[in-house]
Every structure is written in structure tokens, then in C-alpha cells.
Amino acid sequence: MQFETWLVFLVACVGLSISPGPNGLLALTHGAMHGSRKASFTILGGAVGFVAVIALSMFGIGALIKSSVLWLTVLKWAGGLYLVWLGIQVWRSPAITIIVDRSALEVQGWSLFRQGLLSAVTNPKVLLFFSAFLSQFIDPQRSLAQQFLVIAATFAATEIITEYVLASAAHRIRPWLARIGRRFNRSCGGAFIAIGAALPLRG
């Protein structure tokens, strides 16, 4: 990939990363509930998921999904149901406290990593988007594997930085979050439920 093309791609990645989405919301929620250190597992899981989706898109699976209504429908409902389930879990979480409670301390990093990973890979809109978006930056005359490494590393880096900032900010405003109690959890949980419910119903 030429340097000028990479710069354009980098700017596009930054724009995408600061746009609201399920993984950014998940990082914000976990940052507030568990702190930025544990939320890093969520962020890394999402980054790994996005890299996997980029690989699928670049190596042709995106074309298969576009041509198959059945696969698209299955992925839409799977992604939607997962987000609804995630929203219910966040909705039912206990109120955030200034001092991390015992349940927060007991949360395993692998569990947070898995949530970030699944949030990224179960959203078919991401696969379809990358299939269309990445084609603008792929040079057929160059090694696809090398281009994948550059594209995946660039997107993952911008996503990790952006989501870590979100998680860190949420951790700092925990006293304010403690005052509003479970309303924060219900707002974030409701947002997940709304996204999950809308995902399978949109064209």
C-alpha cells in the first residue's frame, strides 16, 4: 500500500473509530463497571474480532454473504440476539460504586475478552461494510497478505486507542456514575437491546 493511500485509510479509520457503535459502548460500559485495566480485555477482544472480520472480507467471504440471503439472515439474527442478551446482562447489573465491589473484582479477563470478540464478529453489518470499504484501498497488483497486515494493524490500533480513551474516561467519572446508580446500567443496556432488536429488521 502506498503511503498516500495509507494516510487516507488512517483518516477513515479514525472517523470510523469515533463513530458510536456496539464495541465502543461496550468498552465504555466495562470501563465504568470494572476500570480501564480490565476493560482492556474487552478492547483487545474487539480488536481481534475486527481483524478476523477484515480477513474474511479481504479474502472473499464478504462476497459469499452478499450473494446468500440465508447466510445474511442467520448472521443478522445471531448478532441481534447476542446484543439483546448482552443488553439484558448490563441492564440487570448492580449499581456502580466508587469502590469496586466484590463481583467486579471477580470478573475474569477472559469473560470480558470474549464479550468484546463476540460483539465484533457477530455483527453482519461489519462484514458487509468492510467488504465494500476495504475494496477502495486494495491494490490488486500487490501482495494481498501484506496489504492485510497493514490494513488490519492500522484499524486495530486506532480502534484500541479510541476505545481505551472511552474506558479510561468512564473509569474517571465513576463517582458521578455512582450517584446515578443503576440508571447508567439501564441506559447502556437499553441501547444494546435497541441495537440488537433493530439489527435483524433493517435491510
Protein backbone atom coordinates (compact mmCIF):
# COMPACT_ATOMS: atom_id res chain seq x y z
CA MET A 1 0.00 0.00 0.00
CA GLN A 2 1.37 3.40 -0.99
CA PHE A 3 1.95 5.91 1.82
CA GLU A 4 -0.62 8.38 0.46
CA THR A 5 -3.25 5.64 0.29
CA TRP A 6 -2.39 4.56 3.83
CA LEU A 7 -2.85 8.12 5.12
CA VAL A 8 -6.32 8.28 3.59
CA PHE A 9 -7.13 4.90 5.13
CA LEU A 10 -5.84 6.06 8.53
CA VAL A 11 -8.07 9.15 8.46
CA ALA A 12 -11.02 6.95 7.53
CA CYS A 13 -10.21 4.56 10.39
CA VAL A 14 -10.12 7.41 12.90
CA GLY A 15 -13.51 8.60 11.67
CA LEU A 16 -14.97 5.12 11.99
CA SER A 17 -13.50 4.58 15.46
CA ILE A 18 -15.01 7.73 16.95
CA SER A 19 -18.42 6.91 15.50
CA PRO A 20 -20.75 5.31 18.07
CA GLY A 21 -21.07 1.54 17.82
CA PRO A 22 -21.64 -1.58 19.93
CA ASN A 23 -17.95 -2.16 20.73
CA GLY A 24 -17.34 1.43 21.77
CA LEU A 25 -20.40 1.31 24.01
CA LEU A 26 -19.22 -1.99 25.47
CA ALA A 27 -15.77 -0.53 26.24
CA LEU A 28 -17.39 2.49 27.91
CA THR A 29 -19.66 0.27 29.99
CA HIS A 30 -16.90 -2.10 31.09
CA GLY A 31 -14.59 0.83 31.83
CA ALA A 32 -17.18 2.23 34.22
CA MET A 33 -18.03 -1.12 35.80
CA HIS A 34 -14.57 -2.69 36.07
CA GLY A 35 -11.98 0.02 35.38
CA SER A 36 -9.85 0.68 32.32
CA ARG A 37 -7.38 -2.12 33.12
CA LYS A 38 -9.99 -4.87 32.96
CA ALA A 39 -11.79 -3.11 30.11
CA SER A 40 -8.57 -3.59 28.14
CA PHE A 41 -9.55 -7.25 27.77
CA THR A 42 -12.84 -6.15 26.20
CA ILE A 43 -11.00 -3.80 23.87
CA LEU A 44 -8.46 -6.42 22.82
CA GLY A 45 -11.24 -8.93 22.20
CA GLY A 46 -12.99 -6.45 19.94
CA ALA A 47 -9.76 -5.70 18.08
CA VAL A 48 -9.14 -9.41 17.47
CA GLY A 49 -12.71 -9.75 16.25
CA PHE A 50 -12.33 -6.84 13.84
CA VAL A 51 -9.07 -8.29 12.49
CA ALA A 52 -10.86 -11.59 11.86
CA VAL A 53 -13.70 -9.78 10.07
CA ILE A 54 -11.21 -7.81 7.98
CA ALA A 55 -9.52 -11.08 7.00
CA LEU A 56 -12.85 -12.61 5.97
CA SER A 57 -13.74 -9.51 3.98
CA MET A 58 -10.43 -9.23 2.19
CA PHE A 59 -10.22 -12.91 1.30
CA GLY A 60 -13.62 -13.14 -0.31
CA ILE A 61 -16.12 -14.30 2.30
CA GLY A 62 -17.89 -10.96 2.11
CA ALA A 63 -18.93 -11.75 -1.47
CA LEU A 64 -20.47 -15.04 -0.29
CA ILE A 65 -22.51 -13.29 2.39
CA LYS A 66 -23.74 -10.69 -0.11
CA SER A 67 -24.92 -13.39 -2.50
CA SER A 68 -26.67 -15.53 0.13
CA VAL A 69 -29.85 -14.21 1.71
CA LEU A 70 -29.93 -17.21 4.05
CA TRP A 71 -26.45 -16.61 5.48
CA LEU A 72 -27.13 -12.91 5.82
CA THR A 73 -30.39 -13.58 7.65
CA VAL A 74 -28.76 -16.10 10.00
CA LEU A 75 -25.94 -13.71 10.88
CA LYS A 76 -28.31 -10.79 11.33
CA TRP A 77 -30.42 -12.69 13.84
CA ALA A 78 -27.40 -14.20 15.62
CA GLY A 79 -25.81 -10.79 16.02
CA GLY A 80 -29.07 -9.19 17.07
CA LEU A 81 -29.87 -11.85 19.66
CA TYR A 82 -26.39 -11.64 21.15
CA LEU A 83 -26.62 -7.86 21.53
CA VAL A 84 -30.06 -8.18 23.15
CA TRP A 85 -28.68 -10.77 25.58
CA LEU A 86 -25.70 -8.53 26.34
CA GLY A 87 -28.05 -5.61 26.93
CA ILE A 88 -30.11 -7.63 29.40
CA GLN A 89 -26.96 -8.57 31.34
CA VAL A 90 -25.87 -4.93 31.55
CA TRP A 91 -29.41 -3.82 32.47
CA ARG A 92 -29.51 -6.26 35.38
CA SER A 93 -26.04 -5.37 36.69
CA PRO A 94 -25.85 -3.89 40.21
CA ALA A 95 -25.35 -0.16 40.65
CA ILE A 96 -21.82 1.10 40.08
CA THR A 97 -19.96 2.08 43.25
CA ILE A 98 -16.90 4.27 43.78
CA ILE A 99 -15.14 1.35 45.47
CA VAL A 100 -15.07 -1.65 43.18
CA ASP A 101 -17.31 -4.28 44.69
CA ARG A 102 -16.51 -7.96 45.07
CA SER A 103 -18.42 -9.03 41.97
CA ALA A 104 -16.46 -6.60 39.82
CA LEU A 105 -13.18 -7.94 41.18
CA GLU A 106 -14.23 -11.48 40.38
CA VAL A 107 -14.87 -10.78 36.71
CA GLN A 108 -12.39 -12.76 34.64
CA GLY A 109 -10.44 -11.07 31.88
CA TRP A 110 -11.31 -13.92 29.51
CA SER A 111 -15.02 -13.23 30.01
CA LEU A 112 -14.57 -9.58 29.05
CA PHE A 113 -12.33 -10.54 26.12
CA ARG A 114 -14.99 -12.95 24.86
CA GLN A 115 -17.72 -10.30 25.07
CA GLY A 116 -15.64 -7.84 23.03
CA LEU A 117 -14.77 -10.53 20.49
CA LEU A 118 -18.35 -11.72 20.02
CA SER A 119 -19.68 -8.17 19.79
CA ALA A 120 -17.38 -7.60 16.81
CA VAL A 121 -17.70 -10.89 14.93
CA THR A 122 -21.47 -11.45 15.30
CA ASN A 123 -22.44 -8.20 13.60
CA PRO A 124 -23.01 -8.93 9.88
CA LYS A 125 -23.16 -5.22 9.10
CA VAL A 126 -19.46 -5.02 9.96
CA LEU A 127 -18.58 -7.77 7.47
CA LEU A 128 -20.67 -6.22 4.71
CA PHE A 129 -19.27 -2.78 5.44
CA PHE A 130 -15.67 -3.92 5.37
CA SER A 131 -16.28 -5.84 2.16
CA ALA A 132 -17.32 -2.59 0.47
CA PHE A 133 -15.00 -0.23 2.35
CA LEU A 134 -11.71 -2.12 2.06
CA SER A 135 -12.05 -2.64 -1.68
CA GLN A 136 -11.31 1.07 -2.10
CA PHE A 137 -7.82 0.58 -0.67
CA ILE A 138 -6.75 -2.81 -2.03
CA ASP A 139 -4.19 -2.80 -4.86
CA PRO A 140 -4.60 -5.97 -6.98
CA GLN A 141 -1.01 -5.60 -8.19
CA ARG A 142 0.41 -6.01 -4.67
CA SER A 143 0.50 -8.89 -2.20
CA LEU A 144 -2.91 -9.29 -0.58
CA ALA A 145 -1.33 -10.79 2.55
CA GLN A 146 0.94 -7.78 3.04
CA GLN A 147 -1.93 -5.38 2.47
CA PHE A 148 -4.00 -7.30 5.00
CA LEU A 149 -1.28 -6.89 7.64
CA VAL A 150 -1.10 -3.13 7.07
CA ILE A 151 -4.87 -2.62 6.95
CA ALA A 152 -5.63 -4.86 9.93
CA ALA A 153 -2.86 -3.36 12.08
CA THR A 154 -3.92 0.20 11.27
CA PHE A 155 -7.58 -0.37 12.02
CA ALA A 156 -6.90 -2.38 15.17
CA ALA A 157 -4.51 0.27 16.52
CA THR A 158 -6.96 3.14 16.00
CA GLU A 159 -9.80 1.10 17.50
CA ILE A 160 -7.76 0.12 20.58
CA ILE A 161 -6.64 3.70 21.25
CA THR A 162 -10.13 5.15 20.82
CA GLU A 163 -11.87 2.56 22.98
CA TYR A 164 -9.22 2.77 25.70
CA VAL A 165 -9.81 6.52 25.91
CA LEU A 166 -13.53 5.80 26.33
CA ALA A 167 -12.90 3.19 29.00
CA SER A 168 -10.46 5.45 30.88
CA ALA A 169 -12.89 8.37 30.82
CA ALA A 170 -15.66 6.17 32.17
CA HIS A 171 -13.39 5.00 35.00
CA ARG A 172 -12.60 8.59 35.98
CA ILE A 173 -16.24 9.64 36.18
CA ARG A 174 -17.18 6.68 38.37
CA PRO A 175 -18.16 8.97 41.33
CA TRP A 176 -20.73 10.64 39.09
CA LEU A 177 -21.89 7.25 37.83
CA ALA A 178 -22.23 6.06 41.43
CA ARG A 179 -24.64 8.91 42.12
CA ILE A 180 -26.95 8.00 39.27
CA GLY A 181 -26.89 4.32 40.30
CA ARG A 182 -28.48 1.75 38.04
CA ARG A 183 -29.80 4.33 35.59
CA PHE A 184 -26.45 4.26 33.81
CA ASN A 185 -26.54 0.47 33.50
CA ARG A 186 -30.10 0.57 32.25
CA SER A 187 -29.30 3.28 29.71
CA CYS A 188 -26.37 1.29 28.30
CA GLY A 189 -28.30 -1.97 28.49
CA GLY A 190 -31.27 -0.38 26.76
CA ALA A 191 -29.01 0.90 24.00
CA PHE A 192 -27.64 -2.61 23.43
CA ILE A 193 -31.15 -4.06 23.37
CA ALA A 194 -32.32 -1.42 20.88
CA ILE A 195 -29.34 -2.01 18.59
CA GLY A 196 -29.81 -5.78 18.80
CA ALA A 197 -33.52 -5.57 18.08
CA ALA A 198 -33.05 -3.20 15.13
CA LEU A 199 -30.17 -5.11 13.52
CA PRO A 200 -32.17 -8.05 12.08
CA LEU A 201 -35.06 -5.83 10.99
CA ARG A 202 -33.10 -3.36 8.87
CA GLY A 203 -32.35 -4.02 5.23
